[in-house]
Amino acid sequence: MQPHQPDPTSAIIEPLLAPRDVSVALVAHVYAEAIVEAAEKRNCRDEVVAELKQLASEVLPRVPGLLALLDSPRLGITEKAAVVDKAMAGRVSETTRNTLQVLANHQRLGILPEIVAAVSCEVDRLAGKRQAIITTAQSLDDPRRQALLAEVEHALGTALSARFTVNPDLLGGLVVRVEDTVYDQSVATGLVRLAERLKQRSIHEIQHRRDRLGSA
């Protein structure tokens, strides 16, 4: 196999490397920014993002133990790079393959799924979309999800990249988390608030009766 030409990906990523003891999320975020920037410079961002997503969601799950192997300290950097070359040659773009080689060289292939997720977030951020988690009491089909997402975006006045989850304890309604802010419209929470109001009303009525008896 002929050695591939150097890619600007490595030149961009390497100065941004975070220490090994930094959290995985932060490391993934650093790599994601560098990967997206490098792909944009080569005008192949959409292609690279699609290939990385497919690799994380389809290829890795079909090969049990591959991620653990790539993350193992027993496998040297040269061996990991060889695995990437053998597995990816002719199947992905040159920029994607070079990106994977950089990750192999810096022992980061083990967190590839986290890096790919961070890449998606970075692309959404550049598109002006905020990350959101929408939780409903029941599972929704795709048309209902899209309709609900449109309603939430309209209500909040912002574009969202949403992930849907289900929590039967909500009873109905929904909970929307946009980054660090939670918008709670669930029936369950409404019941809790109603119970609290009834409790406060009862306390007020008891206190009122005591005041009347005291004055009498």
C-alpha atoms as a PDB file:
ATOM      1  CA  MET A   1       0.000   0.000   0.000  1.00  0.00           C
ATOM      2  CA  GLN A   2       1.348   3.376  -1.012  1.00  0.00           C
ATOM      3  CA  PRO A   3       1.768   5.886   1.831  1.00  0.00           C
ATOM      4  CA  HIS A   4      -0.859   8.624   1.691  1.00  0.00           C
ATOM      5  CA  GLN A   5      -0.001  12.296   1.405  1.00  0.00           C
ATOM      6  CA  PRO A   6      -0.100  14.480   4.532  1.00  0.00           C
ATOM      7  CA  ASP A   7      -3.470  16.056   5.159  1.00  0.00           C
ATOM      8  CA  PRO A   8      -4.063  19.478   6.755  1.00  0.00           C
ATOM      9  CA  THR A   9      -6.238  17.704   9.310  1.00  0.00           C
ATOM     10  CA  SER A  10      -3.203  16.678  11.335  1.00  0.00           C
ATOM     11  CA  ALA A  11      -1.689  20.134  11.263  1.00  0.00           C
ATOM     12  CA  ILE A  12      -4.900  21.600  12.623  1.00  0.00           C
ATOM     13  CA  ILE A  13      -5.688  18.976  15.211  1.00  0.00           C
ATOM     14  CA  GLU A  14      -2.304  18.452  16.824  1.00  0.00           C
ATOM     15  CA  PRO A  15      -1.869  21.956  18.326  1.00  0.00           C
ATOM     16  CA  LEU A  16      -5.313  21.594  19.909  1.00  0.00           C
ATOM     17  CA  LEU A  17      -4.672  18.320  21.686  1.00  0.00           C
ATOM     18  CA  ALA A  18      -6.008  18.216  25.224  1.00  0.00           C
ATOM     19  CA  PRO A  19      -4.254  16.358  28.076  1.00  0.00           C
ATOM     20  CA  ARG A  20      -5.246  12.753  28.651  1.00  0.00           C
ATOM     21  CA  ASP A  21      -6.747  13.571  32.052  1.00  0.00           C
ATOM     22  CA  VAL A  22      -9.280  16.050  30.619  1.00  0.00           C
ATOM     23  CA  SER A  23     -12.837  14.732  30.405  1.00  0.00           C
ATOM     24  CA  VAL A  24     -13.816  12.739  27.328  1.00  0.00           C
ATOM     25  CA  ALA A  25     -16.474  15.294  26.416  1.00  0.00           C
ATOM     26  CA  LEU A  26     -13.962  18.119  26.327  1.00  0.00           C
ATOM     27  CA  VAL A  27     -11.449  16.083  24.328  1.00  0.00           C
ATOM     28  CA  ALA A  28     -14.173  15.086  21.860  1.00  0.00           C
ATOM     29  CA  HIS A  29     -15.212  18.720  21.492  1.00  0.00           C
ATOM     30  CA  VAL A  30     -11.643  19.812  20.747  1.00  0.00           C
ATOM     31  CA  TYR A  31     -11.247  17.170  18.052  1.00  0.00           C
ATOM     32  CA  ALA A  32     -14.683  17.896  16.594  1.00  0.00           C
ATOM     33  CA  GLU A  33     -13.870  21.562  16.032  1.00  0.00           C
ATOM     34  CA  ALA A  34     -10.582  20.652  14.355  1.00  0.00           C
ATOM     35  CA  ILE A  35     -12.149  17.945  12.163  1.00  0.00           C
ATOM     36  CA  VAL A  36     -14.940  20.219  10.934  1.00  0.00           C
ATOM     37  CA  GLU A  37     -12.498  23.051  10.255  1.00  0.00           C
ATOM     38  CA  ALA A  38     -10.154  20.781   8.297  1.00  0.00           C
ATOM     39  CA  ALA A  39     -13.001  19.319   6.245  1.00  0.00           C
ATOM     40  CA  GLU A  40     -14.335  22.780   5.446  1.00  0.00           C
ATOM     41  CA  LYS A  41     -10.923  23.863   4.163  1.00  0.00           C
ATOM     42  CA  ARG A  42     -11.039  20.938   1.728  1.00  0.00           C
ATOM     43  CA  ASN A  43     -14.699  21.615   0.831  1.00  0.00           C
ATOM     44  CA  CYS A  44     -15.778  18.137   1.906  1.00  0.00           C
ATOM     45  CA  ARG A  45     -17.418  18.744   5.282  1.00  0.00           C
ATOM     46  CA  ASP A  46     -20.723  17.039   4.486  1.00  0.00           C
ATOM     47  CA  GLU A  47     -18.954  13.997   3.052  1.00  0.00           C
ATOM     48  CA  VAL A  48     -16.631  13.612   6.031  1.00  0.00           C
ATOM     49  CA  VAL A  49     -19.427  14.086   8.576  1.00  0.00           C
ATOM     50  CA  ALA A  50     -21.597  11.506   6.800  1.00  0.00           C
ATOM     51  CA  GLU A  51     -18.741   8.981   6.656  1.00  0.00           C
ATOM     52  CA  LEU A  52     -17.873   9.414  10.313  1.00  0.00           C
ATOM     53  CA  LYS A  53     -21.523   9.035  11.325  1.00  0.00           C
ATOM     54  CA  GLN A  54     -21.854   5.868   9.281  1.00  0.00           C
ATOM     55  CA  LEU A  55     -18.660   4.500  10.783  1.00  0.00           C
ATOM     56  CA  ALA A  56     -19.854   5.118  14.354  1.00  0.00           C
ATOM     57  CA  SER A  57     -23.481   4.029  13.902  1.00  0.00           C
ATOM     58  CA  GLU A  58     -23.176   1.146  11.420  1.00  0.00           C
ATOM     59  CA  VAL A  59     -19.646  -0.167  11.041  1.00  0.00           C
ATOM     60  CA  LEU A  60     -18.430  -0.307  14.646  1.00  0.00           C
ATOM     61  CA  PRO A  61     -21.603  -1.973  16.028  1.00  0.00           C
ATOM     62  CA  ARG A  62     -21.261  -4.733  13.412  1.00  0.00           C
ATOM     63  CA  VAL A  63     -17.719  -5.595  14.496  1.00  0.00           C
ATOM     64  CA  PRO A  64     -17.822  -6.630  18.177  1.00  0.00           C
ATOM     65  CA  GLY A  65     -14.658  -5.823  20.033  1.00  0.00           C
ATOM     66  CA  LEU A  66     -13.230  -3.517  17.371  1.00  0.00           C
ATOM     67  CA  LEU A  67     -13.641  -0.376  19.466  1.00  0.00           C
ATOM     68  CA  ALA A  68     -12.086  -2.080  22.505  1.00  0.00           C
ATOM     69  CA  LEU A  69      -9.200  -3.248  20.317  1.00  0.00           C
ATOM     70  CA  LEU A  70      -8.598   0.253  18.979  1.00  0.00           C
ATOM     71  CA  ASP A  71      -8.678   1.607  22.528  1.00  0.00           C
ATOM     72  CA  SER A  72      -6.373  -1.045  23.963  1.00  0.00           C
ATOM     73  CA  PRO A  73      -2.924   0.135  25.114  1.00  0.00           C
ATOM     74  CA  ARG A  74      -1.610  -3.309  24.116  1.00  0.00           C
ATOM     75  CA  LEU A  75      -1.981  -2.345  20.463  1.00  0.00           C
ATOM     76  CA  GLY A  76       0.714   0.088  19.397  1.00  0.00           C
ATOM     77  CA  ILE A  77       0.180   3.244  17.372  1.00  0.00           C
ATOM     78  CA  THR A  78       1.648   1.654  14.238  1.00  0.00           C
ATOM     79  CA  GLU A  79      -0.644  -1.359  14.556  1.00  0.00           C
ATOM     80  CA  LYS A  80      -3.709   0.844  15.043  1.00  0.00           C
ATOM     81  CA  ALA A  81      -2.807   2.921  12.015  1.00  0.00           C
ATOM     82  CA  ALA A  82      -2.446  -0.288  10.005  1.00  0.00           C
ATOM     83  CA  VAL A  83      -5.902  -1.442  11.124  1.00  0.00           C
ATOM     84  CA  VAL A  84      -7.372   1.869   9.979  1.00  0.00           C
ATOM     85  CA  ASP A  85      -5.618   1.667   6.610  1.00  0.00           C
ATOM     86  CA  LYS A  86      -6.754  -1.888   6.010  1.00  0.00           C
ATOM     87  CA  ALA A  87     -10.346  -1.260   7.089  1.00  0.00           C
ATOM     88  CA  MET A  88     -10.876   2.155   5.480  1.00  0.00           C
ATOM     89  CA  ALA A  89      -8.809   2.072   2.278  1.00  0.00           C
ATOM     90  CA  GLY A  90     -11.084   2.703  -0.686  1.00  0.00           C
ATOM     91  CA  ARG A  91     -14.168   2.956   1.534  1.00  0.00           C
ATOM     92  CA  VAL A  92     -13.943   6.538   2.764  1.00  0.00           C
ATOM     93  CA  SER A  93     -12.560   9.827   1.503  1.00  0.00           C
ATOM     94  CA  GLU A  94      -8.912  10.686   1.951  1.00  0.00           C
ATOM     95  CA  THR A  95      -9.737  13.369   4.504  1.00  0.00           C
ATOM     96  CA  THR A  96     -11.766  10.942   6.605  1.00  0.00           C
ATOM     97  CA  ARG A  97      -9.017   8.330   6.483  1.00  0.00           C
ATOM     98  CA  ASN A  98      -6.386  10.883   7.439  1.00  0.00           C
ATOM     99  CA  THR A  99      -8.590  12.067  10.287  1.00  0.00           C
ATOM    100  CA  LEU A 100      -8.793   8.497  11.596  1.00  0.00           C
ATOM    101  CA  GLN A 101      -5.020   8.180  11.259  1.00  0.00           C
ATOM    102  CA  VAL A 102      -4.548  11.290  13.405  1.00  0.00           C
ATOM    103  CA  LEU A 103      -6.869   9.822  16.030  1.00  0.00           C
ATOM    104  CA  ALA A 104      -4.899   6.563  15.915  1.00  0.00           C
ATOM    105  CA  ASN A 105      -1.594   8.391  16.276  1.00  0.00           C
ATOM    106  CA  HIS A 106      -2.843  10.142  19.404  1.00  0.00           C
ATOM    107  CA  GLN A 107      -4.614   7.125  20.945  1.00  0.00           C
ATOM    108  CA  ARG A 108      -8.102   8.639  20.524  1.00  0.00           C
ATOM    109  CA  LEU A 109      -9.834   5.995  18.408  1.00  0.00           C
ATOM    110  CA  GLY A 110     -11.373   4.573  21.575  1.00  0.00           C
ATOM    111  CA  ILE A 111     -13.577   7.654  21.937  1.00  0.00           C
ATOM    112  CA  LEU A 112     -14.564   7.796  18.261  1.00  0.00           C
ATOM    113  CA  PRO A 113     -18.336   7.627  18.982  1.00  0.00           C
ATOM    114  CA  GLU A 114     -18.037  10.602  21.347  1.00  0.00           C
ATOM    115  CA  ILE A 115     -15.997  12.510  18.784  1.00  0.00           C
ATOM    116  CA  VAL A 116     -18.544  11.818  16.040  1.00  0.00           C
ATOM    117  CA  ALA A 117     -21.356  13.013  18.309  1.00  0.00           C
ATOM    118  CA  ALA A 118     -19.377  16.164  19.025  1.00  0.00           C
ATOM    119  CA  VAL A 119     -18.839  16.667  15.293  1.00  0.00           C
ATOM    120  CA  SER A 120     -22.617  16.599  14.769  1.00  0.00           C
ATOM    121  CA  CYS A 121     -23.048  19.167  17.539  1.00  0.00           C
ATOM    122  CA  GLU A 122     -20.389  21.400  15.999  1.00  0.00           C
ATOM    123  CA  VAL A 123     -22.076  21.262  12.585  1.00  0.00           C
ATOM    124  CA  ASP A 124     -25.415  22.151  14.210  1.00  0.00           C
ATOM    125  CA  ARG A 125     -23.780  25.030  16.072  1.00  0.00           C
ATOM    126  CA  LEU A 126     -22.353  26.444  12.868  1.00  0.00           C
ATOM    127  CA  ALA A 127     -25.830  26.171  11.319  1.00  0.00           C
ATOM    128  CA  GLY A 128     -27.287  28.176  14.213  1.00  0.00           C
ATOM    129  CA  LYS A 129     -29.059  25.210  15.805  1.00  0.00           C
ATOM    130  CA  ARG A 130     -29.134  24.667  19.572  1.00  0.00           C
ATOM    131  CA  GLN A 131     -28.983  21.171  21.055  1.00  0.00           C
ATOM    132  CA  ALA A 132     -32.234  19.964  22.617  1.00  0.00           C
ATOM    133  CA  ILE A 133     -33.725  16.878  24.243  1.00  0.00           C
ATOM    134  CA  ILE A 134     -37.502  16.543  23.967  1.00  0.00           C
ATOM    135  CA  THR A 135     -39.062  14.037  26.369  1.00  0.00           C
ATOM    136  CA  THR A 136     -42.643  12.843  25.936  1.00  0.00           C
ATOM    137  CA  ALA A 137     -44.814  10.360  27.814  1.00  0.00           C
ATOM    138  CA  GLN A 138     -45.316   8.192  24.725  1.00  0.00           C
ATOM    139  CA  SER A 139     -43.238   7.334  21.703  1.00  0.00           C
ATOM    140  CA  LEU A 140     -44.003   9.464  18.638  1.00  0.00           C
ATOM    141  CA  ASP A 141     -43.699   8.555  14.977  1.00  0.00           C
ATOM    142  CA  ASP A 142     -41.525  10.709  12.747  1.00  0.00           C
ATOM    143  CA  PRO A 143     -44.283  13.009  11.373  1.00  0.00           C
ATOM    144  CA  ARG A 144     -45.496  13.783  14.904  1.00  0.00           C
ATOM    145  CA  ARG A 145     -41.923  14.389  16.046  1.00  0.00           C
ATOM    146  CA  GLN A 146     -41.327  16.836  13.222  1.00  0.00           C
ATOM    147  CA  ALA A 147     -44.601  18.629  13.928  1.00  0.00           C
ATOM    148  CA  LEU A 148     -43.806  18.846  17.641  1.00  0.00           C
ATOM    149  CA  LEU A 149     -40.283  20.055  16.919  1.00  0.00           C
ATOM    150  CA  ALA A 150     -41.662  22.798  14.671  1.00  0.00           C
ATOM    151  CA  GLU A 151     -44.055  23.891  17.430  1.00  0.00           C
ATOM    152  CA  VAL A 152     -41.271  23.968  20.035  1.00  0.00           C
ATOM    153  CA  GLU A 153     -38.959  25.916  17.713  1.00  0.00           C
ATOM    154  CA  HIS A 154     -41.733  28.419  17.059  1.00  0.00           C
ATOM    155  CA  ALA A 155     -42.505  28.774  20.765  1.00  0.00           C
ATOM    156  CA  LEU A 156     -38.856  29.282  21.734  1.00  0.00           C
ATOM    157  CA  GLY A 157     -37.928  31.323  18.678  1.00  0.00           C
ATOM    158  CA  THR A 158     -34.815  29.303  17.883  1.00  0.00           C
ATOM    159  CA  ALA A 159     -33.729  26.481  15.575  1.00  0.00           C
ATOM    160  CA  LEU A 160     -33.090  23.181  17.350  1.00  0.00           C
ATOM    161  CA  SER A 161     -31.283  19.939  16.729  1.00  0.00           C
ATOM    162  CA  ALA A 162     -33.455  17.656  18.843  1.00  0.00           C
ATOM    163  CA  ARG A 163     -33.154  14.168  20.267  1.00  0.00           C
ATOM    164  CA  PHE A 164     -36.394  12.550  21.430  1.00  0.00           C
ATOM    165  CA  THR A 165     -36.735  10.391  24.540  1.00  0.00           C
ATOM    166  CA  VAL A 166     -39.689   8.754  26.315  1.00  0.00           C
ATOM    167  CA  ASN A 167     -40.595   8.909  30.020  1.00  0.00           C
ATOM    168  CA  PRO A 168     -43.979   7.305  30.874  1.00  0.00           C
ATOM    169  CA  ASP A 169     -43.911   8.972  34.299  1.00  0.00           C
ATOM    170  CA  LEU A 170     -44.739  12.270  32.634  1.00  0.00           C
ATOM    171  CA  LEU A 171     -48.323  10.999  32.084  1.00  0.00           C
ATOM    172  CA  GLY A 172     -48.671  13.489  29.239  1.00  0.00           C
ATOM    173  CA  GLY A 173     -47.236  16.733  27.936  1.00  0.00           C
ATOM    174  CA  LEU A 174     -43.523  17.116  27.399  1.00  0.00           C
ATOM    175  CA  VAL A 175     -40.256  18.335  28.861  1.00  0.00           C
ATOM    176  CA  VAL A 176     -37.872  20.245  26.604  1.00  0.00           C
ATOM    177  CA  ARG A 177     -34.236  20.674  27.575  1.00  0.00           C
ATOM    178  CA  VAL A 178     -32.295  23.173  25.486  1.00  0.00           C
ATOM    179  CA  GLU A 179     -28.655  22.992  26.517  1.00  0.00           C
ATOM    180  CA  ASP A 180     -28.775  23.988  30.225  1.00  0.00           C
ATOM    181  CA  THR A 181     -32.376  25.245  30.293  1.00  0.00           C
ATOM    182  CA  VAL A 182     -35.401  23.036  30.988  1.00  0.00           C
ATOM    183  CA  TYR A 183     -38.872  23.960  29.773  1.00  0.00           C
ATOM    184  CA  ASP A 184     -41.334  21.745  31.639  1.00  0.00           C
ATOM    185  CA  GLN A 185     -44.862  21.367  30.275  1.00  0.00           C
ATOM    186  CA  SER A 186     -45.591  17.880  31.584  1.00  0.00           C
ATOM    187  CA  VAL A 187     -48.874  16.883  33.138  1.00  0.00           C
ATOM    188  CA  ALA A 188     -46.982  15.172  35.944  1.00  0.00           C
ATOM    189  CA  THR A 189     -45.292  18.407  36.937  1.00  0.00           C
ATOM    190  CA  GLY A 190     -48.637  20.165  36.667  1.00  0.00           C
ATOM    191  CA  LEU A 191     -50.106  17.668  39.130  1.00  0.00           C
ATOM    192  CA  VAL A 192     -47.255  18.272  41.541  1.00  0.00           C
ATOM    193  CA  ARG A 193     -47.826  22.002  41.345  1.00  0.00           C
ATOM    194  CA  LEU A 194     -51.556  21.524  41.823  1.00  0.00           C
ATOM    195  CA  ALA A 195     -50.937  19.377  44.895  1.00  0.00           C
ATOM    196  CA  GLU A 196     -48.615  22.040  46.289  1.00  0.00           C
ATOM    197  CA  ARG A 197     -51.253  24.737  45.764  1.00  0.00           C
ATOM    198  CA  LEU A 198     -53.894  22.598  47.512  1.00  0.00           C
ATOM    199  CA  LYS A 199     -51.482  22.004  50.373  1.00  0.00           C
ATOM    200  CA  GLN A 200     -50.801  25.717  50.740  1.00  0.00           C
ATOM    201  CA  ARG A 201     -54.546  26.463  50.591  1.00  0.00           C
ATOM    202  CA  SER A 202     -55.208  23.943  53.369  1.00  0.00           C
ATOM    203  CA  ILE A 203     -52.473  25.457  55.535  1.00  0.00           C
ATOM    204  CA  HIS A 204     -53.938  28.924  54.939  1.00  0.00           C
ATOM    205  CA  GLU A 205     -57.446  27.775  55.857  1.00  0.00           C
ATOM    206  CA  ILE A 206     -56.241  26.093  59.065  1.00  0.00           C
ATOM    207  CA  GLN A 207     -54.315  29.206  60.068  1.00  0.00           C
ATOM    208  CA  HIS A 208     -57.385  31.359  59.323  1.00  0.00           C
ATOM    209  CA  ARG A 209     -59.544  29.180  61.602  1.00  0.00           C
ATOM    210  CA  ARG A 210     -56.991  29.406  64.396  1.00  0.00           C
ATOM    211  CA  ASP A 211     -56.956  33.193  64.076  1.00  0.00           C
ATOM    212  CA  ARG A 212     -60.747  33.312  64.293  1.00  0.00           C
ATOM    213  CA  LEU A 213     -60.814  31.051  67.361  1.00  0.00           C
ATOM    214  CA  GLY A 214     -58.099  33.166  68.992  1.00  0.00           C
ATOM    215  CA  SER A 215     -59.993  36.411  68.463  1.00  0.00           C
ATOM    216  CA  ALA A 216     -63.233  34.810  69.759  1.00  0.00           C
END
